[in-house]
Amino acid sequence: MRHCILMTVYKDINQINRIINMAPDNFDFYVHIDRKSPIRVGDISKRAKVFSEFKINWGAVEHLKAFLLLIEKAYASGDKYDFYHLITGQDFYACNFDKFEELLQKEKIYVSYFSLPRKGWWHGGLDIVKYKSLASKYDLRQRKFKLLDILYYWWQRLFTKGRPLPSYRMYGGLVYCSIPGGAINWVLNSVISNDLLCRLTNSTCGEEVFFQTIFLNSPFKNQVVNDNLRYTDWSVHCPPKVLTDEDYDKVINSHKLFCRKIDSLVSKNLLCKLLAMLGLSLIH
């Protein structure tokens, strides 16, 4: 199989280049650098095609737009990929490269999903589409902007009807997924994908409804597997957990393609073990 890795990055250049340089020749890389990042295009491994068009705040739809840009560039290249994998610079491989062939079935779409509305998830989740957010303008992790965004949300609920919901059913889940080459044209050019992307303008966490909704309302819906093949630990107070060497067995036994989050310093011992599993050694 030929694999296209689509990666959004903003820090930890050693880890970013490690992901790229450790991969075999049947892996190609398209990388988007957050425009707020000090990382420059020339810092990234020459193996990758690199872009930097969007300033990405937490939860803003620009993260989704960055992935869609990478998908568009890779698809337009004319190279035929069996799978497109969406990851970040804080991911790493969770299995031997040969196991990619075992875990992936051609034409299957690997994306986690659940139906909306869902109790306890973003006011049920449909508010992501219905009400506007300030995430594209401000960093909502800062208290003053978070409070401003909450006030803006409640102002819309009290004094407007919000944006109309789409006629199609909505689904939620993580943006990180693995998409077969045969479904990429649907991502870029289908009516529903273009409609939903417009609806997600000025949203918070719009990326967490996009791929699930467009694929489960598509001719590909019977090919969707409710598993994104990523190992992530959500058990900590501020998830996801930065993985360490104590997580090695869980990662290896998860039968996933990738694991996250990984940090060059905090995860150094884990990286040594994962690289040994791949038959490689830690350079940085």
C-alpha atoms as a PDB file:
ATOM      1  CA  MET A   1       0.000   0.000   0.000  1.00  0.00           C
ATOM      2  CA  ARG A   2       0.945   3.624  -0.491  1.00  0.00           C
ATOM      3  CA  HIS A   3       0.205   5.911   2.435  1.00  0.00           C
ATOM      4  CA  CYS A   4      -0.197   9.688   2.561  1.00  0.00           C
ATOM      5  CA  ILE A   5       0.348  11.206   5.988  1.00  0.00           C
ATOM      6  CA  LEU A   6      -1.403  14.562   6.472  1.00  0.00           C
ATOM      7  CA  MET A   7       0.063  16.277   9.514  1.00  0.00           C
ATOM      8  CA  THR A   8      -0.732  19.554  11.291  1.00  0.00           C
ATOM      9  CA  VAL A   9       2.137  20.874  13.441  1.00  0.00           C
ATOM     10  CA  TYR A  10       3.099  23.813  15.631  1.00  0.00           C
ATOM     11  CA  LYS A  11       5.940  22.677  17.928  1.00  0.00           C
ATOM     12  CA  ASP A  12       8.571  19.990  18.687  1.00  0.00           C
ATOM     13  CA  ILE A  13      10.476  19.989  15.403  1.00  0.00           C
ATOM     14  CA  ASN A  14      12.559  16.950  16.408  1.00  0.00           C
ATOM     15  CA  GLN A  15       9.424  14.872  16.873  1.00  0.00           C
ATOM     16  CA  ILE A  16       7.913  16.133  13.609  1.00  0.00           C
ATOM     17  CA  ASN A  17      10.978  15.161  11.598  1.00  0.00           C
ATOM     18  CA  ARG A  18      11.226  11.852  13.450  1.00  0.00           C
ATOM     19  CA  ILE A  19       7.733  10.899  12.265  1.00  0.00           C
ATOM     20  CA  ILE A  20       8.708  11.732   8.696  1.00  0.00           C
ATOM     21  CA  ASN A  21      12.238  10.370   8.477  1.00  0.00           C
ATOM     22  CA  MET A  22      11.555   7.046  10.194  1.00  0.00           C
ATOM     23  CA  ALA A  23       8.863   6.023   7.697  1.00  0.00           C
ATOM     24  CA  PRO A  24       9.541   3.701   4.749  1.00  0.00           C
ATOM     25  CA  ASP A  25       9.497   4.866   1.130  1.00  0.00           C
ATOM     26  CA  ASN A  26       5.830   3.999   0.552  1.00  0.00           C
ATOM     27  CA  PHE A  27       4.875   6.835   2.941  1.00  0.00           C
ATOM     28  CA  ASP A  28       4.557  10.412   1.647  1.00  0.00           C
ATOM     29  CA  PHE A  29       4.023  13.453   3.860  1.00  0.00           C
ATOM     30  CA  TYR A  30       2.039  16.683   3.580  1.00  0.00           C
ATOM     31  CA  VAL A  31       2.545  19.049   6.512  1.00  0.00           C
ATOM     32  CA  HIS A  32       0.749  22.231   7.580  1.00  0.00           C
ATOM     33  CA  ILE A  33       2.560  24.552  10.010  1.00  0.00           C
ATOM     34  CA  ASP A  34       0.365  26.748  12.212  1.00  0.00           C
ATOM     35  CA  ARG A  35       1.115  30.340  11.204  1.00  0.00           C
ATOM     36  CA  LYS A  36       1.570  31.204  14.894  1.00  0.00           C
ATOM     37  CA  SER A  37       4.404  28.699  15.159  1.00  0.00           C
ATOM     38  CA  PRO A  38       8.102  29.651  15.161  1.00  0.00           C
ATOM     39  CA  ILE A  39       8.752  26.608  12.950  1.00  0.00           C
ATOM     40  CA  ARG A  40       9.608  27.523   9.366  1.00  0.00           C
ATOM     41  CA  VAL A  41       9.058  25.567   6.173  1.00  0.00           C
ATOM     42  CA  GLY A  42      12.798  24.965   5.831  1.00  0.00           C
ATOM     43  CA  ASP A  43      12.921  23.302   9.260  1.00  0.00           C
ATOM     44  CA  ILE A  44      10.805  20.383   8.067  1.00  0.00           C
ATOM     45  CA  SER A  45      12.344  17.284   6.474  1.00  0.00           C
ATOM     46  CA  LYS A  46      12.798  17.525   2.706  1.00  0.00           C
ATOM     47  CA  ARG A  47      10.681  14.376   2.379  1.00  0.00           C
ATOM     48  CA  ALA A  48       7.577  16.424   3.143  1.00  0.00           C
ATOM     49  CA  LYS A  49       5.594  18.926   1.117  1.00  0.00           C
ATOM     50  CA  VAL A  50       5.009  21.792   3.514  1.00  0.00           C
ATOM     51  CA  PHE A  51       2.390  24.545   3.699  1.00  0.00           C
ATOM     52  CA  SER A  52       1.548  27.293   6.188  1.00  0.00           C
ATOM     53  CA  GLU A  53      -1.683  29.100   5.337  1.00  0.00           C
ATOM     54  CA  PHE A  54      -3.796  29.142   8.487  1.00  0.00           C
ATOM     55  CA  LYS A  55      -3.439  30.606  11.960  1.00  0.00           C
ATOM     56  CA  ILE A  56      -5.016  27.916  14.133  1.00  0.00           C
ATOM     57  CA  ASN A  57      -6.584  28.679  17.507  1.00  0.00           C
ATOM     58  CA  TRP A  58      -7.793  25.949  19.836  1.00  0.00           C
ATOM     59  CA  GLY A  59     -11.120  24.559  18.607  1.00  0.00           C
ATOM     60  CA  ALA A  60     -11.223  26.807  15.533  1.00  0.00           C
ATOM     61  CA  VAL A  61     -12.403  25.502  12.169  1.00  0.00           C
ATOM     62  CA  GLU A  62      -9.057  26.518  10.647  1.00  0.00           C
ATOM     63  CA  HIS A  63      -7.611  23.228  11.908  1.00  0.00           C
ATOM     64  CA  LEU A  64     -10.113  21.381   9.729  1.00  0.00           C
ATOM     65  CA  LYS A  65      -9.363  23.744   6.846  1.00  0.00           C
ATOM     66  CA  ALA A  66      -5.649  22.975   7.192  1.00  0.00           C
ATOM     67  CA  PHE A  67      -6.355  19.247   6.872  1.00  0.00           C
ATOM     68  CA  LEU A  68      -8.611  19.853   3.869  1.00  0.00           C
ATOM     69  CA  LEU A  69      -5.866  21.931   2.254  1.00  0.00           C
ATOM     70  CA  LEU A  70      -3.406  19.071   2.694  1.00  0.00           C
ATOM     71  CA  ILE A  71      -5.913  16.570   1.299  1.00  0.00           C
ATOM     72  CA  GLU A  72      -6.501  18.816  -1.700  1.00  0.00           C
ATOM     73  CA  LYS A  73      -2.773  19.240  -2.381  1.00  0.00           C
ATOM     74  CA  ALA A  74      -2.068  15.511  -2.060  1.00  0.00           C
ATOM     75  CA  TYR A  75      -5.031  14.558  -4.259  1.00  0.00           C
ATOM     76  CA  ALA A  76      -4.074  17.137  -6.904  1.00  0.00           C
ATOM     77  CA  SER A  77      -0.527  15.753  -7.054  1.00  0.00           C
ATOM     78  CA  GLY A  78      -1.777  12.818  -9.116  1.00  0.00           C
ATOM     79  CA  ASP A  79      -0.080  10.300  -6.839  1.00  0.00           C
ATOM     80  CA  LYS A  80      -2.329   7.338  -6.119  1.00  0.00           C
ATOM     81  CA  TYR A  81      -2.551   6.650  -2.396  1.00  0.00           C
ATOM     82  CA  ASP A  82      -4.352   3.705  -0.838  1.00  0.00           C
ATOM     83  CA  PHE A  83      -4.913   5.642   2.391  1.00  0.00           C
ATOM     84  CA  TYR A  84      -4.767   9.198   3.666  1.00  0.00           C
ATOM     85  CA  HIS A  85      -4.013   9.412   7.418  1.00  0.00           C
ATOM     86  CA  LEU A  86      -4.751  12.571   9.452  1.00  0.00           C
ATOM     87  CA  ILE A  87      -2.378  13.052  12.398  1.00  0.00           C
ATOM     88  CA  THR A  88      -0.504  15.808  14.260  1.00  0.00           C
ATOM     89  CA  GLY A  89       3.135  16.398  15.096  1.00  0.00           C
ATOM     90  CA  GLN A  90       2.396  14.935  18.546  1.00  0.00           C
ATOM     91  CA  ASP A  91       1.561  11.479  17.179  1.00  0.00           C
ATOM     92  CA  PHE A  92       3.800   8.490  16.537  1.00  0.00           C
ATOM     93  CA  TYR A  93       3.547   4.986  15.100  1.00  0.00           C
ATOM     94  CA  ALA A  94       1.906   2.424  17.371  1.00  0.00           C
ATOM     95  CA  CYS A  95       2.845  -0.644  15.338  1.00  0.00           C
ATOM     96  CA  ASN A  96       5.390  -1.993  12.901  1.00  0.00           C
ATOM     97  CA  PHE A  97       4.969  -0.616   9.392  1.00  0.00           C
ATOM     98  CA  ASP A  98       4.185  -4.084   8.043  1.00  0.00           C
ATOM     99  CA  LYS A  99       1.157  -4.182  10.348  1.00  0.00           C
ATOM    100  CA  PHE A 100      -0.416  -1.282   8.454  1.00  0.00           C
ATOM    101  CA  GLU A 101      -1.201  -3.836   5.747  1.00  0.00           C
ATOM    102  CA  GLU A 102      -2.867  -6.148   8.297  1.00  0.00           C
ATOM    103  CA  LEU A 103      -4.927  -3.532  10.131  1.00  0.00           C
ATOM    104  CA  LEU A 104      -6.264  -1.727   7.075  1.00  0.00           C
ATOM    105  CA  GLN A 105      -8.854  -3.148   4.723  1.00  0.00           C
ATOM    106  CA  LYS A 106      -8.923  -1.426   1.354  1.00  0.00           C
ATOM    107  CA  GLU A 107     -11.927   0.856   0.806  1.00  0.00           C
ATOM    108  CA  LYS A 108     -12.806   0.924   4.530  1.00  0.00           C
ATOM    109  CA  ILE A 109     -13.041   4.326   6.229  1.00  0.00           C
ATOM    110  CA  TYR A 110     -11.628   4.346   9.761  1.00  0.00           C
ATOM    111  CA  VAL A 111     -13.208   7.120  11.815  1.00  0.00           C
ATOM    112  CA  SER A 112     -14.685   7.170  15.335  1.00  0.00           C
ATOM    113  CA  TYR A 113     -18.291   8.345  15.464  1.00  0.00           C
ATOM    114  CA  PHE A 114     -21.495   8.677  17.469  1.00  0.00           C
ATOM    115  CA  SER A 115     -24.928  10.096  16.650  1.00  0.00           C
ATOM    116  CA  LEU A 116     -25.912  13.637  17.591  1.00  0.00           C
ATOM    117  CA  PRO A 117     -27.394  14.924  19.767  1.00  0.00           C
ATOM    118  CA  ARG A 118     -25.372  13.170  22.467  1.00  0.00           C
ATOM    119  CA  LYS A 119     -25.999  13.861  26.141  1.00  0.00           C
ATOM    120  CA  GLY A 120     -23.181  15.750  27.840  1.00  0.00           C
ATOM    121  CA  TRP A 121     -21.322  16.588  24.625  1.00  0.00           C
ATOM    122  CA  TRP A 122     -21.237  20.283  23.636  1.00  0.00           C
ATOM    123  CA  HIS A 123     -24.893  20.900  24.524  1.00  0.00           C
ATOM    124  CA  GLY A 124     -25.697  17.759  22.599  1.00  0.00           C
ATOM    125  CA  GLY A 125     -23.318  18.637  19.765  1.00  0.00           C
ATOM    126  CA  LEU A 126     -25.790  20.266  17.399  1.00  0.00           C
ATOM    127  CA  ASP A 127     -24.957  23.704  18.831  1.00  0.00           C
ATOM    128  CA  ILE A 128     -21.597  23.436  17.047  1.00  0.00           C
ATOM    129  CA  VAL A 129     -23.487  24.071  13.829  1.00  0.00           C
ATOM    130  CA  LYS A 130     -26.307  26.202  15.209  1.00  0.00           C
ATOM    131  CA  TYR A 131     -24.405  28.925  17.093  1.00  0.00           C
ATOM    132  CA  LYS A 132     -21.372  30.972  16.133  1.00  0.00           C
ATOM    133  CA  SER A 133     -18.166  31.042  18.159  1.00  0.00           C
ATOM    134  CA  LEU A 134     -15.224  33.415  18.545  1.00  0.00           C
ATOM    135  CA  ALA A 135     -12.657  30.602  18.288  1.00  0.00           C
ATOM    136  CA  SER A 136     -11.334  31.732  14.897  1.00  0.00           C
ATOM    137  CA  LYS A 137     -10.577  35.195  16.313  1.00  0.00           C
ATOM    138  CA  TYR A 138      -9.379  34.476  19.852  1.00  0.00           C
ATOM    139  CA  ASP A 139      -7.666  31.804  21.914  1.00  0.00           C
ATOM    140  CA  LEU A 140     -10.574  30.502  23.973  1.00  0.00           C
ATOM    141  CA  ARG A 141      -8.196  28.843  26.426  1.00  0.00           C
ATOM    142  CA  GLN A 142      -7.573  32.325  27.822  1.00  0.00           C
ATOM    143  CA  ARG A 143     -10.103  33.056  30.539  1.00  0.00           C
ATOM    144  CA  LYS A 144     -11.174  36.492  29.261  1.00  0.00           C
ATOM    145  CA  PHE A 145     -11.887  35.197  25.770  1.00  0.00           C
ATOM    146  CA  LYS A 146     -13.587  32.065  27.074  1.00  0.00           C
ATOM    147  CA  LEU A 147     -15.962  34.222  29.117  1.00  0.00           C
ATOM    148  CA  LEU A 148     -16.564  36.490  26.126  1.00  0.00           C
ATOM    149  CA  ASP A 149     -17.396  33.466  23.990  1.00  0.00           C
ATOM    150  CA  ILE A 150     -19.813  32.117  26.612  1.00  0.00           C
ATOM    151  CA  LEU A 151     -21.601  35.491  26.707  1.00  0.00           C
ATOM    152  CA  TYR A 152     -21.738  35.528  22.904  1.00  0.00           C
ATOM    153  CA  TYR A 153     -23.233  32.007  22.899  1.00  0.00           C
ATOM    154  CA  TRP A 154     -25.956  32.899  25.399  1.00  0.00           C
ATOM    155  CA  TRP A 155     -26.743  36.166  23.622  1.00  0.00           C
ATOM    156  CA  GLN A 156     -27.433  34.134  20.471  1.00  0.00           C
ATOM    157  CA  ARG A 157     -29.588  31.656  22.372  1.00  0.00           C
ATOM    158  CA  LEU A 158     -31.635  34.415  24.006  1.00  0.00           C
ATOM    159  CA  PHE A 159     -32.007  36.889  21.133  1.00  0.00           C
ATOM    160  CA  THR A 160     -31.611  34.927  17.900  1.00  0.00           C
ATOM    161  CA  LYS A 161     -32.742  31.600  16.566  1.00  0.00           C
ATOM    162  CA  GLY A 162     -29.184  30.676  15.659  1.00  0.00           C
ATOM    163  CA  ARG A 163     -28.284  29.127  12.353  1.00  0.00           C
ATOM    164  CA  PRO A 164     -30.691  26.562  10.873  1.00  0.00           C
ATOM    165  CA  LEU A 165     -29.705  22.932  11.287  1.00  0.00           C
ATOM    166  CA  PRO A 166     -29.067  20.885   8.153  1.00  0.00           C
ATOM    167  CA  SER A 167     -31.642  18.410   6.893  1.00  0.00           C
ATOM    168  CA  TYR A 168     -29.143  15.553   7.057  1.00  0.00           C
ATOM    169  CA  ARG A 169     -28.289  13.679  10.249  1.00  0.00           C
ATOM    170  CA  MET A 170     -25.272  14.872  12.244  1.00  0.00           C
ATOM    171  CA  TYR A 171     -22.534  12.742  13.808  1.00  0.00           C
ATOM    172  CA  GLY A 172     -19.566  13.540  16.042  1.00  0.00           C
ATOM    173  CA  GLY A 173     -16.136  12.119  16.844  1.00  0.00           C
ATOM    174  CA  LEU A 174     -12.422  12.861  16.500  1.00  0.00           C
ATOM    175  CA  VAL A 175     -10.990  14.518  13.400  1.00  0.00           C
ATOM    176  CA  TYR A 176      -8.076  12.052  13.219  1.00  0.00           C
ATOM    177  CA  CYS A 177      -8.978   9.292  10.795  1.00  0.00           C
ATOM    178  CA  SER A 178      -7.762   7.130   7.910  1.00  0.00           C
ATOM    179  CA  ILE A 179      -9.516   7.559   4.571  1.00  0.00           C
ATOM    180  CA  PRO A 180      -9.132   5.330   1.491  1.00  0.00           C
ATOM    181  CA  GLY A 181      -8.128   6.999  -1.756  1.00  0.00           C
ATOM    182  CA  GLY A 182     -11.460   6.170  -3.368  1.00  0.00           C
ATOM    183  CA  ALA A 183     -13.344   8.383  -0.899  1.00  0.00           C
ATOM    184  CA  ILE A 184     -11.184  11.495  -1.170  1.00  0.00           C
ATOM    185  CA  ASN A 185     -13.102  13.075  -4.040  1.00  0.00           C
ATOM    186  CA  TRP A 186     -16.221  12.938  -1.837  1.00  0.00           C
ATOM    187  CA  VAL A 187     -14.374  14.830   0.908  1.00  0.00           C
ATOM    188  CA  LEU A 188     -13.334  17.595  -1.462  1.00  0.00           C
ATOM    189  CA  ASN A 189     -16.181  17.927  -3.930  1.00  0.00           C
ATOM    190  CA  SER A 190     -19.454  16.491  -2.622  1.00  0.00           C
ATOM    191  CA  VAL A 191     -22.425  18.770  -2.031  1.00  0.00           C
ATOM    192  CA  ILE A 192     -22.681  17.744   1.620  1.00  0.00           C
ATOM    193  CA  SER A 193     -19.016  18.401   2.395  1.00  0.00           C
ATOM    194  CA  ASN A 194     -19.163  21.881   0.874  1.00  0.00           C
ATOM    195  CA  ASP A 195     -22.458  22.642   2.628  1.00  0.00           C
ATOM    196  CA  LEU A 196     -21.242  21.458   6.021  1.00  0.00           C
ATOM    197  CA  LEU A 197     -17.937  23.328   5.747  1.00  0.00           C
ATOM    198  CA  CYS A 198     -19.876  26.555   5.121  1.00  0.00           C
ATOM    199  CA  ARG A 199     -22.090  25.851   8.134  1.00  0.00           C
ATOM    200  CA  LEU A 200     -19.011  25.385  10.317  1.00  0.00           C
ATOM    201  CA  THR A 201     -17.704  28.904   9.672  1.00  0.00           C
ATOM    202  CA  ASN A 202     -17.018  30.547  13.053  1.00  0.00           C
ATOM    203  CA  SER A 203     -17.654  27.341  15.001  1.00  0.00           C
ATOM    204  CA  THR A 204     -15.923  25.711  17.939  1.00  0.00           C
ATOM    205  CA  CYS A 205     -14.785  22.117  17.397  1.00  0.00           C
ATOM    206  CA  GLY A 206     -16.395  21.944  13.974  1.00  0.00           C
ATOM    207  CA  GLU A 207     -13.685  19.476  12.996  1.00  0.00           C
ATOM    208  CA  GLU A 208     -15.304  16.964  15.347  1.00  0.00           C
ATOM    209  CA  VAL A 209     -18.461  16.638  13.259  1.00  0.00           C
ATOM    210  CA  PHE A 210     -17.164  17.005   9.702  1.00  0.00           C
ATOM    211  CA  PHE A 211     -15.812  13.655   8.500  1.00  0.00           C
ATOM    212  CA  GLN A 212     -18.307  11.630  10.504  1.00  0.00           C
ATOM    213  CA  THR A 213     -21.271  13.530   9.061  1.00  0.00           C
ATOM    214  CA  ILE A 214     -20.181  13.596   5.426  1.00  0.00           C
ATOM    215  CA  PHE A 215     -19.283   9.889   5.316  1.00  0.00           C
ATOM    216  CA  LEU A 216     -22.333   8.580   7.204  1.00  0.00           C
ATOM    217  CA  ASN A 217     -24.557  10.531   4.812  1.00  0.00           C
ATOM    218  CA  SER A 218     -22.803   9.218   1.729  1.00  0.00           C
ATOM    219  CA  PRO A 219     -22.616   6.251  -0.638  1.00  0.00           C
ATOM    220  CA  PHE A 220     -19.642   5.159   1.503  1.00  0.00           C
ATOM    221  CA  LYS A 221     -21.627   4.787   4.749  1.00  0.00           C
ATOM    222  CA  ASN A 222     -21.449   0.969   4.725  1.00  0.00           C
ATOM    223  CA  GLN A 223     -17.654   1.182   4.462  1.00  0.00           C
ATOM    224  CA  VAL A 224     -17.278   3.228   7.670  1.00  0.00           C
ATOM    225  CA  VAL A 225     -15.608   1.436  10.590  1.00  0.00           C
ATOM    226  CA  ASN A 226     -16.221   3.002  14.012  1.00  0.00           C
ATOM    227  CA  ASP A 227     -12.524   2.932  14.945  1.00  0.00           C
ATOM    228  CA  ASN A 228      -9.986   5.578  13.973  1.00  0.00           C
ATOM    229  CA  LEU A 229      -7.040   3.245  14.732  1.00  0.00           C
ATOM    230  CA  ARG A 230      -5.443   5.760  17.130  1.00  0.00           C
ATOM    231  CA  TYR A 231      -4.425   4.924  20.705  1.00  0.00           C
ATOM    232  CA  THR A 232      -5.256   7.825  23.048  1.00  0.00           C
ATOM    233  CA  ASP A 233      -5.545   7.883  26.840  1.00  0.00           C
ATOM    234  CA  TRP A 234      -8.500  10.038  27.948  1.00  0.00           C
ATOM    235  CA  SER A 235      -8.310   9.079  31.635  1.00  0.00           C
ATOM    236  CA  VAL A 236      -6.455  12.161  32.915  1.00  0.00           C
ATOM    237  CA  HIS A 237      -7.987  15.408  34.208  1.00  0.00           C
ATOM    238  CA  CYS A 238      -6.953  17.422  31.131  1.00  0.00           C
ATOM    239  CA  PRO A 239      -7.012  14.844  28.315  1.00  0.00           C
ATOM    240  CA  PRO A 240      -5.449  13.455  26.333  1.00  0.00           C
ATOM    241  CA  LYS A 241      -2.541  12.165  28.391  1.00  0.00           C
ATOM    242  CA  VAL A 242       1.028  12.714  27.224  1.00  0.00           C
ATOM    243  CA  LEU A 243       2.180   9.109  26.921  1.00  0.00           C
ATOM    244  CA  THR A 244       5.253   7.736  28.716  1.00  0.00           C
ATOM    245  CA  ASP A 245       7.137   4.438  28.804  1.00  0.00           C
ATOM    246  CA  GLU A 246       4.582   3.019  31.272  1.00  0.00           C
ATOM    247  CA  ASP A 247       2.066   3.131  28.397  1.00  0.00           C
ATOM    248  CA  TYR A 248       4.194   1.026  26.030  1.00  0.00           C
ATOM    249  CA  ASP A 249       2.342  -2.273  26.519  1.00  0.00           C
ATOM    250  CA  LYS A 250      -1.026  -0.552  26.148  1.00  0.00           C
ATOM    251  CA  VAL A 251       0.109   1.079  22.911  1.00  0.00           C
ATOM    252  CA  ILE A 252       1.533  -2.117  21.426  1.00  0.00           C
ATOM    253  CA  ASN A 253      -1.435  -4.244  22.463  1.00  0.00           C
ATOM    254  CA  SER A 254      -3.977  -1.722  21.184  1.00  0.00           C
ATOM    255  CA  HIS A 255      -3.595  -2.838  17.550  1.00  0.00           C
ATOM    256  CA  LYS A 256      -3.706   0.757  16.395  1.00  0.00           C
ATOM    257  CA  LEU A 257      -1.740   2.569  13.693  1.00  0.00           C
ATOM    258  CA  PHE A 258      -0.803   5.682  15.691  1.00  0.00           C
ATOM    259  CA  CYS A 259      -0.629   6.866  19.313  1.00  0.00           C
ATOM    260  CA  ARG A 260      -0.889  10.331  20.832  1.00  0.00           C
ATOM    261  CA  LYS A 261       0.078  12.541  22.564  1.00  0.00           C
ATOM    262  CA  ILE A 262       3.841  12.221  22.260  1.00  0.00           C
ATOM    263  CA  ASP A 263       6.398  14.756  23.479  1.00  0.00           C
ATOM    264  CA  SER A 264      10.113  14.495  22.684  1.00  0.00           C
ATOM    265  CA  LEU A 265      11.105  15.042  26.313  1.00  0.00           C
ATOM    266  CA  VAL A 266       8.275  13.584  28.387  1.00  0.00           C
ATOM    267  CA  SER A 267       7.889  10.576  26.069  1.00  0.00           C
ATOM    268  CA  LYS A 268      11.604   9.994  25.423  1.00  0.00           C
ATOM    269  CA  ASN A 269      11.754   6.520  26.997  1.00  0.00           C
ATOM    270  CA  LEU A 270       8.546   5.482  25.255  1.00  0.00           C
ATOM    271  CA  LEU A 271       9.952   6.691  21.944  1.00  0.00           C
ATOM    272  CA  CYS A 272      13.080   4.592  22.515  1.00  0.00           C
ATOM    273  CA  LYS A 273      10.899   1.507  22.975  1.00  0.00           C
ATOM    274  CA  LEU A 274       8.694   2.283  19.983  1.00  0.00           C
ATOM    275  CA  LEU A 275      11.706   2.893  17.788  1.00  0.00           C
ATOM    276  CA  ALA A 276      13.253  -0.380  18.940  1.00  0.00           C
ATOM    277  CA  MET A 277       9.985  -2.076  17.969  1.00  0.00           C
ATOM    278  CA  LEU A 278      10.432  -0.534  14.521  1.00  0.00           C
ATOM    279  CA  GLY A 279      14.047  -1.698  14.388  1.00  0.00           C
ATOM    280  CA  LEU A 280      15.342   1.861  14.723  1.00  0.00           C
ATOM    281  CA  SER A 281      17.043   3.973  17.378  1.00  0.00           C
ATOM    282  CA  LEU A 282      16.473   7.412  18.877  1.00  0.00           C
ATOM    283  CA  ILE A 283      18.637  10.053  17.202  1.00  0.00           C
ATOM    284  CA  HIS A 284      17.564  13.164  19.154  1.00  0.00           C
END
